[in-house]
């Protein structure tokens, strides 16, 4: 069993792959989902995207991957 995208239900092997999918898709529904998740945590999709492209490492991907894992129980 894989990990599902909480927006479009695409299934991949790992949550980090779903995070990459969410950033790569960058359509309004995926963008909105990240923004909605970030409201209480203090970030937006754009914040994470800027962090991912300007700082070393994969912290932004890991942040999205954690959110994706938490969302699995409601899918």
N, C-alpha and C. Protein backbone atom coordinates (compact mmCIF):
# COMPACT_ATOMS: atom_id res chain seq x y z
N UNK A 1 0.84 -1.18 0.00
CA UNK A 1 0.00 0.00 0.00
C UNK A 1 0.89 1.24 0.00
N UNK A 2 0.55 2.21 -0.83
CA UNK A 2 1.33 3.43 -0.96
C UNK A 2 0.75 4.58 -0.15
N UNK A 3 1.32 5.73 -0.38
CA UNK A 3 0.87 6.97 0.25
C UNK A 3 0.08 7.75 -0.79
N UNK A 4 -1.08 8.26 -0.40
CA UNK A 4 -1.94 8.98 -1.33
C UNK A 4 -1.80 10.48 -1.17
N UNK A 5 -1.87 11.17 -2.30
CA UNK A 5 -1.92 12.62 -2.29
C UNK A 5 -3.28 13.02 -1.70
N UNK A 6 -3.28 13.89 -0.69
CA UNK A 6 -4.55 14.28 -0.08
C UNK A 6 -5.44 15.13 -0.99
N UNK A 7 -4.90 15.59 -2.10
CA UNK A 7 -5.67 16.43 -3.02
C UNK A 7 -6.28 15.59 -4.15
N UNK A 8 -5.43 14.89 -4.90
CA UNK A 8 -5.90 14.19 -6.09
C UNK A 8 -5.92 12.67 -5.93
N UNK A 9 -5.46 12.19 -4.79
CA UNK A 9 -5.44 10.76 -4.44
C UNK A 9 -4.44 9.94 -5.25
N UNK A 10 -3.52 10.61 -5.96
CA UNK A 10 -2.45 9.87 -6.64
C UNK A 10 -1.66 9.10 -5.60
N UNK A 11 -1.31 7.87 -5.92
CA UNK A 11 -0.62 7.03 -4.96
C UNK A 11 0.83 6.80 -5.38
N UNK A 12 1.74 7.04 -4.45
CA UNK A 12 3.16 6.80 -4.66
C UNK A 12 3.70 6.03 -3.47
N UNK A 13 4.95 5.64 -3.54
CA UNK A 13 5.53 4.76 -2.51
C UNK A 13 5.80 5.48 -1.20
N UNK A 14 6.24 6.73 -1.26
CA UNK A 14 6.66 7.43 -0.04
C UNK A 14 6.08 8.84 0.02
N UNK A 15 5.92 9.34 1.24
CA UNK A 15 5.36 10.68 1.42
C UNK A 15 6.25 11.77 0.81
N UNK A 16 7.55 11.57 0.79
CA UNK A 16 8.45 12.56 0.18
C UNK A 16 8.18 12.65 -1.32
N UNK A 17 7.81 11.53 -1.95
CA UNK A 17 7.45 11.56 -3.37
C UNK A 17 6.16 12.34 -3.59
N UNK A 18 5.23 12.21 -2.66
CA UNK A 18 3.99 12.99 -2.75
C UNK A 18 4.30 14.47 -2.58
N UNK A 19 5.21 14.81 -1.68
CA UNK A 19 5.61 16.21 -1.51
C UNK A 19 6.18 16.76 -2.81
N UNK A 20 7.02 16.00 -3.47
CA UNK A 20 7.58 16.43 -4.76
C UNK A 20 6.47 16.57 -5.80
N UNK A 21 5.52 15.65 -5.77
CA UNK A 21 4.37 15.71 -6.68
C UNK A 21 3.58 16.99 -6.44
N UNK A 22 3.33 17.34 -5.18
CA UNK A 22 2.56 18.54 -4.85
C UNK A 22 3.27 19.79 -5.34
N UNK A 23 4.58 19.89 -5.09
CA UNK A 23 5.34 21.04 -5.58
C UNK A 23 5.37 21.05 -7.10
N UNK A 24 5.56 19.91 -7.71
CA UNK A 24 5.67 19.83 -9.16
C UNK A 24 4.38 20.11 -9.88
N UNK A 25 3.26 19.69 -9.29
CA UNK A 25 1.96 19.92 -9.91
C UNK A 25 1.62 21.41 -9.86
N UNK A 26 1.76 21.99 -8.69
CA UNK A 26 1.57 23.44 -8.49
C UNK A 26 0.31 23.98 -9.18
N UNK A 27 -0.77 23.23 -9.10
CA UNK A 27 -2.04 23.73 -9.62
C UNK A 27 -2.84 24.30 -8.44
N UNK A 28 -3.92 25.01 -8.71
CA UNK A 28 -4.67 25.65 -7.61
C UNK A 28 -5.12 24.71 -6.49
N UNK A 29 -5.64 23.51 -6.78
CA UNK A 29 -6.06 22.66 -5.66
C UNK A 29 -4.90 22.22 -4.75
N UNK A 30 -3.75 21.86 -5.34
CA UNK A 30 -2.60 21.46 -4.53
C UNK A 30 -2.04 22.65 -3.77
N UNK A 31 -1.99 23.78 -4.42
CA UNK A 31 -1.51 25.02 -3.81
C UNK A 31 -2.39 25.37 -2.60
N UNK A 32 -3.70 25.30 -2.78
CA UNK A 32 -4.65 25.63 -1.71
C UNK A 32 -4.52 24.68 -0.53
N UNK A 33 -4.32 23.39 -0.81
CA UNK A 33 -4.19 22.42 0.28
C UNK A 33 -2.99 22.78 1.16
N UNK A 34 -1.86 23.09 0.55
CA UNK A 34 -0.68 23.46 1.33
C UNK A 34 -0.95 24.75 2.10
N UNK A 35 -1.55 25.73 1.46
CA UNK A 35 -1.86 26.99 2.15
C UNK A 35 -2.79 26.74 3.34
N UNK A 36 -3.80 25.90 3.15
CA UNK A 36 -4.73 25.58 4.25
C UNK A 36 -4.02 24.90 5.41
N UNK A 37 -3.12 23.98 5.11
CA UNK A 37 -2.37 23.28 6.16
C UNK A 37 -1.43 24.25 6.90
N UNK A 38 -0.89 25.19 6.16
CA UNK A 38 0.08 26.11 6.72
C UNK A 38 -0.50 27.26 7.52
N UNK A 39 -1.81 27.46 7.42
CA UNK A 39 -2.43 28.59 8.14
C UNK A 39 -2.11 28.56 9.63
N UNK A 40 -2.25 27.42 10.24
CA UNK A 40 -2.00 27.31 11.68
C UNK A 40 -0.52 27.13 12.00
N UNK A 41 0.27 26.77 11.00
CA UNK A 41 1.70 26.52 11.22
C UNK A 41 2.58 27.68 10.77
N UNK A 42 1.97 28.67 10.13
CA UNK A 42 2.69 29.88 9.79
C UNK A 42 3.48 29.87 8.49
N UNK A 43 2.99 29.14 7.48
CA UNK A 43 3.65 29.17 6.18
C UNK A 43 2.63 29.05 5.07
N UNK A 44 3.07 29.41 3.86
CA UNK A 44 2.24 29.24 2.67
C UNK A 44 2.99 28.36 1.68
N UNK A 45 2.32 27.96 0.64
CA UNK A 45 2.95 27.19 -0.43
C UNK A 45 4.15 27.95 -0.96
N UNK A 46 3.97 29.24 -1.21
CA UNK A 46 5.05 30.07 -1.76
C UNK A 46 6.24 30.14 -0.80
N UNK A 47 5.97 30.25 0.50
CA UNK A 47 7.07 30.25 1.48
C UNK A 47 7.91 28.99 1.37
N UNK A 48 7.23 27.86 1.30
CA UNK A 48 7.94 26.58 1.23
C UNK A 48 8.69 26.43 -0.09
N UNK A 49 8.07 26.86 -1.17
CA UNK A 49 8.73 26.76 -2.46
C UNK A 49 10.00 27.62 -2.50
N UNK A 50 9.92 28.82 -1.99
CA UNK A 50 11.10 29.70 -1.94
C UNK A 50 12.18 29.07 -1.06
N UNK A 51 11.78 28.53 0.07
CA UNK A 51 12.75 27.86 0.95
C UNK A 51 13.43 26.70 0.24
N UNK A 52 12.64 25.93 -0.49
CA UNK A 52 13.19 24.74 -1.16
C UNK A 52 14.22 25.13 -2.22
N UNK A 53 13.98 26.21 -2.92
CA UNK A 53 14.90 26.55 -4.02
C UNK A 53 16.06 27.44 -3.58
N UNK A 54 15.98 28.01 -2.38
CA UNK A 54 17.06 28.91 -1.96
C UNK A 54 17.93 28.38 -0.84
N UNK A 55 17.52 27.32 -0.18
CA UNK A 55 18.29 26.79 0.95
C UNK A 55 18.69 25.35 0.68
N UNK A 56 19.84 24.96 1.19
CA UNK A 56 20.26 23.56 0.99
C UNK A 56 19.37 22.61 1.79
N UNK A 57 19.34 21.38 1.33
CA UNK A 57 18.55 20.36 2.01
C UNK A 57 17.13 20.27 1.46
N UNK A 58 16.33 19.49 2.13
CA UNK A 58 14.95 19.24 1.69
C UNK A 58 13.93 19.56 2.76
N UNK A 59 14.18 20.59 3.57
CA UNK A 59 13.28 20.87 4.68
C UNK A 59 11.85 21.12 4.23
N UNK A 60 11.67 21.85 3.14
CA UNK A 60 10.31 22.14 2.66
C UNK A 60 9.61 20.85 2.22
N UNK A 61 10.33 19.98 1.50
CA UNK A 61 9.75 18.69 1.12
C UNK A 61 9.39 17.88 2.36
N UNK A 62 10.26 17.90 3.34
CA UNK A 62 10.00 17.14 4.57
C UNK A 62 8.79 17.68 5.32
N UNK A 63 8.62 19.00 5.30
CA UNK A 63 7.45 19.60 5.94
C UNK A 63 6.17 19.12 5.27
N UNK A 64 6.14 19.15 3.94
CA UNK A 64 4.96 18.68 3.20
C UNK A 64 4.77 17.18 3.41
N UNK A 65 5.85 16.42 3.40
CA UNK A 65 5.76 14.97 3.61
C UNK A 65 5.12 14.66 4.97
N UNK A 66 5.48 15.40 6.00
CA UNK A 66 4.88 15.21 7.33
C UNK A 66 3.39 15.49 7.30
N UNK A 67 3.00 16.57 6.62
CA UNK A 67 1.58 16.90 6.50
C UNK A 67 0.82 15.82 5.73
N UNK A 68 1.44 15.30 4.69
CA UNK A 68 0.82 14.23 3.89
C UNK A 68 0.61 12.99 4.75
N UNK A 69 1.61 12.63 5.54
CA UNK A 69 1.47 11.46 6.42
C UNK A 69 0.34 11.64 7.42
N UNK A 70 0.24 12.83 7.99
CA UNK A 70 -0.83 13.10 8.95
C UNK A 70 -2.21 13.04 8.30
N UNK A 71 -2.27 13.38 7.03
CA UNK A 71 -3.56 13.40 6.31
C UNK A 71 -4.03 12.00 5.88
N UNK A 72 -3.16 11.01 5.92
CA UNK A 72 -3.50 9.68 5.41
C UNK A 72 -4.70 9.06 6.13
N UNK A 73 -4.86 9.32 7.40
CA UNK A 73 -5.96 8.70 8.15
C UNK A 73 -7.33 9.19 7.69
N UNK A 74 -7.37 10.37 7.06
CA UNK A 74 -8.66 10.91 6.61
C UNK A 74 -8.95 10.62 5.14
N UNK A 75 -8.07 9.88 4.47
CA UNK A 75 -8.27 9.61 3.04
C UNK A 75 -9.00 8.31 2.82
